[in-house]
Each structure stands twice: as C-alpha cells, then as structure tokens.
Amino acid sequence: MSWNEFWEMVGGWFIDAGKSIVAWGANTGIKVIIALVVMLVSFKIINVVARKIEKGGEKKAESSGKIHVKTDKTLMRTLAYVFKLTLKIVVTVCLIGYLGIDTSGITALIASFGVCVGLAVNGALSNLAGGVLIILTRPFRVDDYIEAQGYAGTVVDIHITNTKIITPDNKVIYIPNGPLSSGSIVNYSEKDTRRVDFSFSISYGNDHEKAKAILKDICESHELVLKDPAPFIRVGEHGASSINITTRVWVKSSDYWTVHFDILEKVKTEFDKNGIEIPFDQLDVHIKND
C-alpha cells in the first residue's frame, strides 16, 4: 500500500466518523429540543391545573360558613401542591428516559431521597395525616370545649397540622394533630345537656332526711336546673366522720358552671340556717402524764 492510498483510507475514516457524529448530534439535538418544549408545556399545564384546584377550593371555603373536607382551604392548598410536585417529577423522569439516559439510577436516587425525607419529616407527616383524619371524622368542631393531651379549652381553629385552643385563663395552646387524632378526646360541647354531680357531707348527729329535703328544695327552685331528668338526691356513703349525700342535677351544657357554683353557695347558706353541720377532719390529742 502506498502512502497516498494510506492517507486516503485514514481520511475516509475521519470523514465517516464526522458524518456519524454530526448525524448523532443532529438527532440528539432534536430530541433535546423536543424534550425541552414538552417539559415547558407540561409544567405550564400542571401549574394552571394546580392553581385552578387551589382557587376552586378557596372559593368553596369562602362560600361555606363552616370547615368541611371538600371546602377546607388549607387541605385544598396542600393537595394542589402535592399534585403539582408529583406530576413535575414524573414528567422529568419520562423525558430523561426519552433522551436515552438510563433512569434506573435516577429512580433509585429519588426513592432514597424520599426515604430520607420521610424519616426527617415523620412527625410532620403524622400531624398532617392526623389533621386530615380530624377533618374527616369530626370528633370536635370550632367553638367546642374539649379536653385532650392534658389540656382543656375552647377550640378556635383547626389547622392541617395542629389544633388551636384557648384555655379558660386565656392561654393559647397548639396541640399537634398526630397525637390528638390518636388519643382520647373529651368533648364537653357535643351534647346539649350535662349532669352536675355533688357530694355533701353532714354530721351523723343531723337528720339526713331534713338535709335531703333542703337539697331537693334548692335544686328544684333553681331556674337553670332541668325538671327532666329530675334531681337525684340519696345517701351515697357512710363515711368515717360524716354521712355523704349524693346529689345530681341536669343542666344545659352552657349553664354547667353557673349551676355548680350557685348550688354550692346556696347549700352552705341553707345548712347554716337549719343547723345542719358540715363536718371537717379533726384530730384529738390526749396527753397521758405518768
């Protein structure tokens, strides 16, 4: 082979390689352009749909006078954000695969990242799930007086991750929805009526029938005590130093504390007028002098 033939062969190789590179680059460039166009259009559509979902939920929440799973603004905003983020990730991974890049590594990376994020925000996700559960099951509503997680107060707002209550001494407490949804909740406002329980102690030397008659008159004469069910007044216990009379009356839930304090004050006044002794613990000390 002569030098001229050798250089002609080498030149042919370079020409063929260049044509292949140009063809590959042109094909890849077209794919990249198509992928970018599809990504931009898809992201735009996703943003518009998510915005409509969010705005639609807010309009329904504004037109509704109460919190509801279909109209809660916070819930709709969260769902719209999750919807938008998930679809954008799916579109991105699909376009990467369209360009011929192996997506198995990216998928594994996303899965690992999801596990890390899940571990990091485990508490937040628990509160989020608890908020959705509270909105669905409705164990209490705004303005209800509840007792939960060691606190008692009036519910003023139900957020997606926590519930805001105000205590009778005007302290604001935020209770996480995770433990709130899985723990015990006492709702004092769900029923229209409540029972007020008392236990009055009198001396063994007093007439317990007279004491019962006084208690009956006090309970029946109070305007906020309900007639049905009728007041319950019976001797409940023979104590170590007193006879304990159990007294129970039914009232409207909103009148509970008014009746509670009124009857306590009235009983003390009437017992004193009628000579009914309310015994108290005494200690007799005898000194023996040898």
C-alpha atoms as a PDB file:
ATOM      1  CA  MET A   1       0.000   0.000   0.000  1.00  0.00           C
ATOM      2  CA  SER A   2       1.377   3.358  -0.986  1.00  0.00           C
ATOM      3  CA  TRP A   3       1.352   6.457   1.233  1.00  0.00           C
ATOM      4  CA  ASN A   4      -1.301   8.049  -0.923  1.00  0.00           C
ATOM      5  CA  GLU A   5      -3.616   5.083  -0.520  1.00  0.00           C
ATOM      6  CA  PHE A   6      -2.956   5.006   3.268  1.00  0.00           C
ATOM      7  CA  TRP A   7      -3.820   8.691   3.712  1.00  0.00           C
ATOM      8  CA  GLU A   8      -6.894   8.301   1.541  1.00  0.00           C
ATOM      9  CA  MET A   9      -8.063   5.434   3.793  1.00  0.00           C
ATOM     10  CA  VAL A  10      -7.400   7.423   7.002  1.00  0.00           C
ATOM     11  CA  GLY A  11      -9.166  10.433   5.542  1.00  0.00           C
ATOM     12  CA  GLY A  12     -12.157   8.256   4.703  1.00  0.00           C
ATOM     13  CA  TRP A  13     -12.301   7.051   8.288  1.00  0.00           C
ATOM     14  CA  PHE A  14     -12.343  10.635   9.617  1.00  0.00           C
ATOM     15  CA  ILE A  15     -14.998  11.659   7.118  1.00  0.00           C
ATOM     16  CA  ASP A  16     -17.240   8.722   8.035  1.00  0.00           C
ATOM     17  CA  ALA A  17     -16.716   9.375  11.762  1.00  0.00           C
ATOM     18  CA  GLY A  18     -17.524  13.055  11.337  1.00  0.00           C
ATOM     19  CA  LYS A  19     -20.681  12.248   9.422  1.00  0.00           C
ATOM     20  CA  SER A  20     -21.730   9.828  12.214  1.00  0.00           C
ATOM     21  CA  ILE A  21     -21.023  12.424  14.901  1.00  0.00           C
ATOM     22  CA  VAL A  22     -22.941  15.086  13.009  1.00  0.00           C
ATOM     23  CA  ALA A  23     -25.869  12.727  12.462  1.00  0.00           C
ATOM     24  CA  TRP A  24     -25.868  11.690  16.154  1.00  0.00           C
ATOM     25  CA  GLY A  25     -25.601  15.286  17.291  1.00  0.00           C
ATOM     26  CA  ALA A  26     -28.395  16.387  14.992  1.00  0.00           C
ATOM     27  CA  ASN A  27     -30.637  13.536  16.161  1.00  0.00           C
ATOM     28  CA  THR A  28     -29.812  14.162  19.832  1.00  0.00           C
ATOM     29  CA  GLY A  29     -30.224  17.901  19.450  1.00  0.00           C
ATOM     30  CA  ILE A  30     -33.687  17.423  18.009  1.00  0.00           C
ATOM     31  CA  LYS A  31     -34.586  15.151  20.941  1.00  0.00           C
ATOM     32  CA  VAL A  32     -33.279  17.706  23.439  1.00  0.00           C
ATOM     33  CA  ILE A  33     -35.306  20.470  21.793  1.00  0.00           C
ATOM     34  CA  ILE A  34     -38.435  18.293  21.771  1.00  0.00           C
ATOM     35  CA  ALA A  35     -37.853  17.336  25.432  1.00  0.00           C
ATOM     36  CA  LEU A  36     -37.452  20.993  26.477  1.00  0.00           C
ATOM     37  CA  VAL A  37     -40.593  22.029  24.616  1.00  0.00           C
ATOM     38  CA  VAL A  38     -42.602  19.167  26.123  1.00  0.00           C
ATOM     39  CA  MET A  39     -41.260  19.974  29.601  1.00  0.00           C
ATOM     40  CA  LEU A  40     -42.129  23.671  29.373  1.00  0.00           C
ATOM     41  CA  VAL A  41     -45.622  22.996  28.024  1.00  0.00           C
ATOM     42  CA  SER A  42     -46.258  20.222  30.581  1.00  0.00           C
ATOM     43  CA  PHE A  43     -45.076  22.352  33.512  1.00  0.00           C
ATOM     44  CA  LYS A  44     -47.278  25.211  32.335  1.00  0.00           C
ATOM     45  CA  ILE A  45     -50.340  22.964  32.115  1.00  0.00           C
ATOM     46  CA  ILE A  46     -49.583  21.413  35.526  1.00  0.00           C
ATOM     47  CA  ASN A  47     -49.242  24.865  37.125  1.00  0.00           C
ATOM     48  CA  VAL A  48     -52.540  26.019  35.626  1.00  0.00           C
ATOM     49  CA  VAL A  49     -54.423  22.895  36.754  1.00  0.00           C
ATOM     50  CA  ALA A  50     -52.932  23.061  40.274  1.00  0.00           C
ATOM     51  CA  ARG A  51     -53.824  26.751  40.538  1.00  0.00           C
ATOM     52  CA  LYS A  52     -57.403  26.023  39.476  1.00  0.00           C
ATOM     53  CA  ILE A  53     -57.667  23.264  42.084  1.00  0.00           C
ATOM     54  CA  GLU A  54     -56.387  25.601  44.787  1.00  0.00           C
ATOM     55  CA  LYS A  55     -58.556  28.559  43.753  1.00  0.00           C
ATOM     56  CA  GLY A  56     -61.615  26.355  43.418  1.00  0.00           C
ATOM     57  CA  GLY A  57     -61.123  25.044  46.949  1.00  0.00           C
ATOM     58  CA  GLU A  58     -60.649  28.565  48.338  1.00  0.00           C
ATOM     59  CA  LYS A  59     -63.825  29.834  46.656  1.00  0.00           C
ATOM     60  CA  LYS A  60     -65.827  26.962  48.106  1.00  0.00           C
ATOM     61  CA  ALA A  61     -64.308  27.609  51.538  1.00  0.00           C
ATOM     62  CA  GLU A  62     -65.258  31.285  51.359  1.00  0.00           C
ATOM     63  CA  SER A  63     -68.812  30.484  50.298  1.00  0.00           C
ATOM     64  CA  SER A  64     -69.181  27.916  53.088  1.00  0.00           C
ATOM     65  CA  GLY A  65     -69.615  29.088  56.650  1.00  0.00           C
ATOM     66  CA  LYS A  66     -68.001  26.051  58.226  1.00  0.00           C
ATOM     67  CA  ILE A  67     -64.952  23.836  57.782  1.00  0.00           C
ATOM     68  CA  HIS A  68     -65.571  20.826  55.558  1.00  0.00           C
ATOM     69  CA  VAL A  69     -63.281  18.293  53.924  1.00  0.00           C
ATOM     70  CA  LYS A  70     -64.342  19.469  50.440  1.00  0.00           C
ATOM     71  CA  THR A  71     -64.030  23.142  51.210  1.00  0.00           C
ATOM     72  CA  ASP A  72     -61.142  23.441  53.620  1.00  0.00           C
ATOM     73  CA  LYS A  73     -58.695  25.961  52.165  1.00  0.00           C
ATOM     74  CA  THR A  74     -55.628  24.502  53.865  1.00  0.00           C
ATOM     75  CA  LEU A  75     -56.378  20.979  52.711  1.00  0.00           C
ATOM     76  CA  MET A  76     -57.004  22.050  49.105  1.00  0.00           C
ATOM     77  CA  ARG A  77     -53.801  24.097  49.034  1.00  0.00           C
ATOM     78  CA  THR A  78     -51.776  21.140  50.294  1.00  0.00           C
ATOM     79  CA  LEU A  79     -53.349  18.744  47.795  1.00  0.00           C
ATOM     80  CA  ALA A  80     -52.682  21.163  44.929  1.00  0.00           C
ATOM     81  CA  TYR A  81     -49.012  21.455  45.890  1.00  0.00           C
ATOM     82  CA  VAL A  82     -48.542  17.676  46.174  1.00  0.00           C
ATOM     83  CA  PHE A  83     -50.317  17.190  42.828  1.00  0.00           C
ATOM     84  CA  LYS A  84     -48.070  19.738  41.102  1.00  0.00           C
ATOM     85  CA  LEU A  85     -44.809  18.431  42.547  1.00  0.00           C
ATOM     86  CA  THR A  86     -45.601  14.771  41.791  1.00  0.00           C
ATOM     87  CA  LEU A  87     -46.553  15.374  38.162  1.00  0.00           C
ATOM     88  CA  LYS A  88     -43.461  17.507  37.516  1.00  0.00           C
ATOM     89  CA  ILE A  89     -41.194  14.761  38.832  1.00  0.00           C
ATOM     90  CA  VAL A  90     -42.952  12.142  36.670  1.00  0.00           C
ATOM     91  CA  VAL A  91     -42.645  14.311  33.529  1.00  0.00           C
ATOM     92  CA  THR A  92     -38.939  14.996  34.183  1.00  0.00           C
ATOM     93  CA  VAL A  93     -38.095  11.305  34.635  1.00  0.00           C
ATOM     94  CA  CYS A  94     -40.021  10.362  31.470  1.00  0.00           C
ATOM     95  CA  LEU A  95     -38.196  12.997  29.387  1.00  0.00           C
ATOM     96  CA  ILE A  96     -34.815  11.836  30.690  1.00  0.00           C
ATOM     97  CA  GLY A  97     -35.692   8.314  29.545  1.00  0.00           C
ATOM     98  CA  TYR A  98     -36.775   9.712  26.161  1.00  0.00           C
ATOM     99  CA  LEU A  99     -33.279  11.184  25.685  1.00  0.00           C
ATOM    100  CA  GLY A 100     -31.801   7.709  26.037  1.00  0.00           C
ATOM    101  CA  ILE A 101     -30.352   8.197  29.516  1.00  0.00           C
ATOM    102  CA  ASP A 102     -30.717   5.266  31.885  1.00  0.00           C
ATOM    103  CA  THR A 103     -33.265   6.303  34.503  1.00  0.00           C
ATOM    104  CA  SER A 104     -32.783   3.367  36.857  1.00  0.00           C
ATOM    105  CA  GLY A 105     -30.131   5.254  38.825  1.00  0.00           C
ATOM    106  CA  ILE A 106     -32.289   8.382  38.955  1.00  0.00           C
ATOM    107  CA  THR A 107     -35.263   6.336  40.119  1.00  0.00           C
ATOM    108  CA  ALA A 108     -33.188   4.751  42.876  1.00  0.00           C
ATOM    109  CA  LEU A 109     -31.886   8.202  43.872  1.00  0.00           C
ATOM    110  CA  ILE A 110     -35.421   9.612  44.064  1.00  0.00           C
ATOM    111  CA  ALA A 111     -36.544   6.615  46.119  1.00  0.00           C
ATOM    112  CA  SER A 112     -33.610   7.050  48.516  1.00  0.00           C
ATOM    113  CA  PHE A 113     -34.312  10.768  48.774  1.00  0.00           C
ATOM    114  CA  GLY A 114     -37.964  10.030  49.503  1.00  0.00           C
ATOM    115  CA  VAL A 115     -36.987   7.643  52.312  1.00  0.00           C
ATOM    116  CA  CYS A 116     -34.647  10.258  53.825  1.00  0.00           C
ATOM    117  CA  VAL A 117     -37.278  12.964  53.622  1.00  0.00           C
ATOM    118  CA  GLY A 118     -39.876  10.611  55.068  1.00  0.00           C
ATOM    119  CA  LEU A 119     -37.660   9.834  58.063  1.00  0.00           C
ATOM    120  CA  ALA A 120     -36.837  13.510  58.534  1.00  0.00           C
ATOM    121  CA  VAL A 121     -40.441  14.713  58.454  1.00  0.00           C
ATOM    122  CA  ASN A 122     -42.022  11.685  60.081  1.00  0.00           C
ATOM    123  CA  GLY A 123     -43.573  13.811  62.806  1.00  0.00           C
ATOM    124  CA  ALA A 124     -44.839  16.416  60.343  1.00  0.00           C
ATOM    125  CA  LEU A 125     -46.425  13.738  58.136  1.00  0.00           C
ATOM    126  CA  SER A 126     -48.040  12.197  61.201  1.00  0.00           C
ATOM    127  CA  ASN A 127     -49.542  15.562  62.117  1.00  0.00           C
ATOM    128  CA  LEU A 128     -50.667  16.082  58.521  1.00  0.00           C
ATOM    129  CA  ALA A 129     -52.396  12.691  58.445  1.00  0.00           C
ATOM    130  CA  GLY A 130     -53.895  13.439  61.861  1.00  0.00           C
ATOM    131  CA  GLY A 131     -55.296  16.737  60.584  1.00  0.00           C
ATOM    132  CA  VAL A 132     -56.957  15.034  57.621  1.00  0.00           C
ATOM    133  CA  LEU A 133     -58.373  12.366  59.954  1.00  0.00           C
ATOM    134  CA  ILE A 134     -59.800  15.004  62.318  1.00  0.00           C
ATOM    135  CA  ILE A 135     -61.417  16.850  59.402  1.00  0.00           C
ATOM    136  CA  LEU A 136     -62.955  13.586  58.155  1.00  0.00           C
ATOM    137  CA  THR A 137     -64.152  12.101  61.473  1.00  0.00           C
ATOM    138  CA  ARG A 138     -65.168  15.422  63.135  1.00  0.00           C
ATOM    139  CA  PRO A 139     -64.623  14.475  66.832  1.00  0.00           C
ATOM    140  CA  PHE A 140     -64.961  18.188  67.636  1.00  0.00           C
ATOM    141  CA  ARG A 141     -65.711  21.474  65.901  1.00  0.00           C
ATOM    142  CA  VAL A 142     -64.705  25.087  66.248  1.00  0.00           C
ATOM    143  CA  ASP A 143     -66.152  26.625  69.482  1.00  0.00           C
ATOM    144  CA  ASP A 144     -66.376  23.209  71.200  1.00  0.00           C
ATOM    145  CA  TYR A 145     -64.880  22.911  74.683  1.00  0.00           C
ATOM    146  CA  ILE A 146     -62.625  19.856  74.731  1.00  0.00           C
ATOM    147  CA  GLU A 147     -60.069  18.139  76.954  1.00  0.00           C
ATOM    148  CA  ALA A 148     -57.184  16.295  75.263  1.00  0.00           C
ATOM    149  CA  GLN A 149     -53.459  15.680  75.681  1.00  0.00           C
ATOM    150  CA  GLY A 150     -53.534  17.098  79.208  1.00  0.00           C
ATOM    151  CA  TYR A 151     -55.127  20.412  78.160  1.00  0.00           C
ATOM    152  CA  ALA A 152     -58.673  21.769  78.247  1.00  0.00           C
ATOM    153  CA  GLY A 153     -60.047  24.738  76.359  1.00  0.00           C
ATOM    154  CA  THR A 154     -62.253  26.075  73.593  1.00  0.00           C
ATOM    155  CA  VAL A 155     -61.327  25.165  70.011  1.00  0.00           C
ATOM    156  CA  VAL A 156     -60.764  28.338  67.983  1.00  0.00           C
ATOM    157  CA  ASP A 157     -59.133  26.901  64.847  1.00  0.00           C
ATOM    158  CA  ILE A 158     -58.374  23.514  63.263  1.00  0.00           C
ATOM    159  CA  HIS A 159     -55.250  23.670  61.098  1.00  0.00           C
ATOM    160  CA  ILE A 160     -53.946  20.867  58.906  1.00  0.00           C
ATOM    161  CA  THR A 161     -51.065  20.057  61.311  1.00  0.00           C
ATOM    162  CA  ASN A 162     -52.292  21.357  64.678  1.00  0.00           C
ATOM    163  CA  THR A 163     -55.371  22.470  66.570  1.00  0.00           C
ATOM    164  CA  LYS A 164     -55.538  25.807  68.382  1.00  0.00           C
ATOM    165  CA  ILE A 165     -57.411  26.043  71.685  1.00  0.00           C
ATOM    166  CA  ILE A 166     -57.823  28.780  74.289  1.00  0.00           C
ATOM    167  CA  THR A 167     -57.922  27.826  77.969  1.00  0.00           C
ATOM    168  CA  PRO A 168     -60.330  29.444  80.459  1.00  0.00           C
ATOM    169  CA  ASP A 169     -57.449  31.609  81.757  1.00  0.00           C
ATOM    170  CA  ASN A 170     -56.847  32.883  78.187  1.00  0.00           C
ATOM    171  CA  LYS A 171     -53.748  30.860  77.280  1.00  0.00           C
ATOM    172  CA  VAL A 172     -53.365  29.815  73.639  1.00  0.00           C
ATOM    173  CA  ILE A 173     -52.263  26.194  73.131  1.00  0.00           C
ATOM    174  CA  TYR A 174     -51.377  24.494  69.833  1.00  0.00           C
ATOM    175  CA  ILE A 175     -51.873  20.717  70.009  1.00  0.00           C
ATOM    176  CA  PRO A 176     -50.248  18.609  67.237  1.00  0.00           C
ATOM    177  CA  ASN A 177     -52.882  16.743  65.260  1.00  0.00           C
ATOM    178  CA  GLY A 178     -50.910  13.465  65.213  1.00  0.00           C
ATOM    179  CA  PRO A 179     -51.275  12.570  68.913  1.00  0.00           C
ATOM    180  CA  LEU A 180     -54.584  14.453  69.087  1.00  0.00           C
ATOM    181  CA  SER A 181     -56.195  12.226  66.444  1.00  0.00           C
ATOM    182  CA  SER A 182     -54.940   9.004  68.049  1.00  0.00           C
ATOM    183  CA  GLY A 183     -55.536   9.945  71.707  1.00  0.00           C
ATOM    184  CA  SER A 184     -58.590  10.310  73.914  1.00  0.00           C
ATOM    185  CA  ILE A 185     -60.714  13.439  73.439  1.00  0.00           C
ATOM    186  CA  VAL A 186     -63.392  14.614  75.860  1.00  0.00           C
ATOM    187  CA  ASN A 187     -65.888  16.870  74.090  1.00  0.00           C
ATOM    188  CA  TYR A 188     -67.960  18.809  76.634  1.00  0.00           C
ATOM    189  CA  SER A 189     -69.958  20.687  73.997  1.00  0.00           C
ATOM    190  CA  GLU A 190     -71.170  17.899  71.731  1.00  0.00           C
ATOM    191  CA  LYS A 191     -74.271  17.212  73.850  1.00  0.00           C
ATOM    192  CA  ASP A 192     -76.806  19.898  74.760  1.00  0.00           C
ATOM    193  CA  THR A 193     -77.129  18.807  78.399  1.00  0.00           C
ATOM    194  CA  ARG A 194     -74.720  17.769  81.168  1.00  0.00           C
ATOM    195  CA  ARG A 195     -75.044  16.364  84.664  1.00  0.00           C
ATOM    196  CA  VAL A 196     -73.642  18.243  87.667  1.00  0.00           C
ATOM    197  CA  ASP A 197     -72.531  15.899  90.472  1.00  0.00           C
ATOM    198  CA  PHE A 198     -72.198  16.878  94.157  1.00  0.00           C
ATOM    199  CA  SER A 199     -71.417  15.070  97.363  1.00  0.00           C
ATOM    200  CA  PHE A 200     -72.480  16.915 100.526  1.00  0.00           C
ATOM    201  CA  SER A 201     -71.281  15.734 103.936  1.00  0.00           C
ATOM    202  CA  ILE A 202     -73.353  16.128 107.100  1.00  0.00           C
ATOM    203  CA  SER A 203     -72.717  15.082 110.670  1.00  0.00           C
ATOM    204  CA  TYR A 204     -74.043  11.765 111.999  1.00  0.00           C
ATOM    205  CA  GLY A 205     -75.958  13.778 114.596  1.00  0.00           C
ATOM    206  CA  ASN A 206     -78.012  15.613 111.973  1.00  0.00           C
ATOM    207  CA  ASP A 207     -81.261  14.475 110.391  1.00  0.00           C
ATOM    208  CA  HIS A 208     -80.312  13.265 106.934  1.00  0.00           C
ATOM    209  CA  GLU A 209     -83.951  13.365 105.757  1.00  0.00           C
ATOM    210  CA  LYS A 210     -84.091  17.042 106.588  1.00  0.00           C
ATOM    211  CA  ALA A 211     -80.803  17.618 104.762  1.00  0.00           C
ATOM    212  CA  LYS A 212     -82.198  15.775 101.717  1.00  0.00           C
ATOM    213  CA  ALA A 213     -85.331  17.931 101.798  1.00  0.00           C
ATOM    214  CA  ILE A 214     -83.215  21.104 101.878  1.00  0.00           C
ATOM    215  CA  LEU A 215     -81.125  19.895  98.951  1.00  0.00           C
ATOM    216  CA  LYS A 216     -84.236  18.949  96.988  1.00  0.00           C
ATOM    217  CA  ASP A 217     -85.767  22.372  97.542  1.00  0.00           C
ATOM    218  CA  ILE A 218     -82.531  24.112  96.446  1.00  0.00           C
ATOM    219  CA  CYS A 219     -82.234  22.045  93.273  1.00  0.00           C
ATOM    220  CA  GLU A 220     -85.884  22.294  92.239  1.00  0.00           C
ATOM    221  CA  SER A 221     -86.047  26.037  92.866  1.00  0.00           C
ATOM    222  CA  HIS A 222     -83.019  26.859  90.718  1.00  0.00           C
ATOM    223  CA  GLU A 223     -84.243  28.211  87.385  1.00  0.00           C
ATOM    224  CA  LEU A 224     -81.389  26.679  85.354  1.00  0.00           C
ATOM    225  CA  VAL A 225     -81.812  23.134  86.688  1.00  0.00           C
ATOM    226  CA  LEU A 226     -83.813  20.968  84.282  1.00  0.00           C
ATOM    227  CA  LYS A 227     -87.008  19.328  85.527  1.00  0.00           C
ATOM    228  CA  ASP A 228     -86.485  16.267  83.349  1.00  0.00           C
ATOM    229  CA  PRO A 229     -84.469  14.294  84.343  1.00  0.00           C
ATOM    230  CA  ALA A 230     -85.450  15.155  87.903  1.00  0.00           C
ATOM    231  CA  PRO A 231     -82.738  15.889  90.508  1.00  0.00           C
ATOM    232  CA  PHE A 232     -81.315  12.801  92.215  1.00  0.00           C
ATOM    233  CA  ILE A 233     -80.698  13.087  95.987  1.00  0.00           C
ATOM    234  CA  ARG A 234     -79.789   9.998  98.048  1.00  0.00           C
ATOM    235  CA  VAL A 235     -77.454   8.980 100.861  1.00  0.00           C
ATOM    236  CA  GLY A 236     -74.389   7.800  98.994  1.00  0.00           C
ATOM    237  CA  GLU A 237     -71.941   6.772 101.708  1.00  0.00           C
ATOM    238  CA  HIS A 238     -71.465   6.299 105.423  1.00  0.00           C
ATOM    239  CA  GLY A 239     -68.093   7.946 105.789  1.00  0.00           C
ATOM    240  CA  ALA A 240     -65.619   7.764 108.647  1.00  0.00           C
ATOM    241  CA  SER A 241     -66.888  11.016 110.171  1.00  0.00           C
ATOM    242  CA  SER A 242     -69.874  12.017 108.047  1.00  0.00           C
ATOM    243  CA  ILE A 243     -72.888  10.925 106.058  1.00  0.00           C
ATOM    244  CA  ASN A 244     -72.304  11.798 102.393  1.00  0.00           C
ATOM    245  CA  ILE A 245     -75.376  12.712 100.363  1.00  0.00           C
ATOM    246  CA  THR A 246     -75.024  12.266  96.600  1.00  0.00           C
ATOM    247  CA  THR A 247     -76.776  14.979  94.589  1.00  0.00           C
ATOM    248  CA  ARG A 248     -77.090  15.039  90.796  1.00  0.00           C
ATOM    249  CA  VAL A 249     -78.864  17.573  88.596  1.00  0.00           C
ATOM    250  CA  TRP A 250     -79.123  18.012  84.827  1.00  0.00           C
ATOM    251  CA  VAL A 251     -78.492  21.367  83.151  1.00  0.00           C
ATOM    252  CA  LYS A 252     -77.781  22.813  79.736  1.00  0.00           C
ATOM    253  CA  SER A 253     -74.095  22.487  78.869  1.00  0.00           C
ATOM    254  CA  SER A 254     -73.679  26.266  78.762  1.00  0.00           C
ATOM    255  CA  ASP A 255     -75.095  26.573  82.332  1.00  0.00           C
ATOM    256  CA  TYR A 256     -72.854  23.930  83.926  1.00  0.00           C
ATOM    257  CA  TRP A 257     -70.521  26.149  85.952  1.00  0.00           C
ATOM    258  CA  THR A 258     -73.220  28.665  86.883  1.00  0.00           C
ATOM    259  CA  VAL A 259     -75.340  25.938  88.475  1.00  0.00           C
ATOM    260  CA  HIS A 260     -72.278  24.306  90.048  1.00  0.00           C
ATOM    261  CA  PHE A 261     -71.251  27.407  91.974  1.00  0.00           C
ATOM    262  CA  ASP A 262     -74.805  28.582  92.719  1.00  0.00           C
ATOM    263  CA  ILE A 263     -75.783  25.332  94.416  1.00  0.00           C
ATOM    264  CA  LEU A 264     -72.548  25.097  96.419  1.00  0.00           C
ATOM    265  CA  GLU A 265     -73.109  28.598  97.810  1.00  0.00           C
ATOM    266  CA  LYS A 266     -76.831  28.059  98.443  1.00  0.00           C
ATOM    267  CA  VAL A 267     -76.280  24.746 100.265  1.00  0.00           C
ATOM    268  CA  LYS A 268     -73.782  26.307 102.687  1.00  0.00           C
ATOM    269  CA  THR A 269     -76.220  29.140 103.460  1.00  0.00           C
ATOM    270  CA  GLU A 270     -79.238  26.867 103.968  1.00  0.00           C
ATOM    271  CA  PHE A 271     -77.344  24.282 106.025  1.00  0.00           C
ATOM    272  CA  ASP A 272     -76.175  27.044 108.384  1.00  0.00           C
ATOM    273  CA  LYS A 273     -79.743  28.406 108.713  1.00  0.00           C
ATOM    274  CA  ASN A 274     -81.156  24.978 109.564  1.00  0.00           C
ATOM    275  CA  GLY A 275     -78.375  23.854 111.885  1.00  0.00           C
ATOM    276  CA  ILE A 276     -77.017  21.190 109.527  1.00  0.00           C
ATOM    277  CA  GLU A 277     -73.362  20.678 110.394  1.00  0.00           C
ATOM    278  CA  ILE A 278     -70.820  20.158 107.638  1.00  0.00           C
ATOM    279  CA  PRO A 279     -68.143  18.124 109.458  1.00  0.00           C
ATOM    280  CA  PHE A 280     -64.437  18.565 108.885  1.00  0.00           C
ATOM    281  CA  ASP A 281     -61.474  16.437 109.840  1.00  0.00           C
ATOM    282  CA  GLN A 282     -60.433  16.838 113.476  1.00  0.00           C
ATOM    283  CA  LEU A 283     -57.595  15.414 115.499  1.00  0.00           C
ATOM    284  CA  ASP A 284     -57.994  14.892 119.229  1.00  0.00           C
ATOM    285  CA  VAL A 285     -54.699  14.706 121.122  1.00  0.00           C
ATOM    286  CA  HIS A 286     -54.714  13.129 124.589  1.00  0.00           C
ATOM    287  CA  ILE A 287     -51.646  13.692 126.754  1.00  0.00           C
ATOM    288  CA  LYS A 288     -51.077  10.942 129.320  1.00  0.00           C
ATOM    289  CA  ASN A 289     -48.952  12.040 132.261  1.00  0.00           C
ATOM    290  CA  ASP A 290     -47.412   9.119 134.154  1.00  0.00           C
END
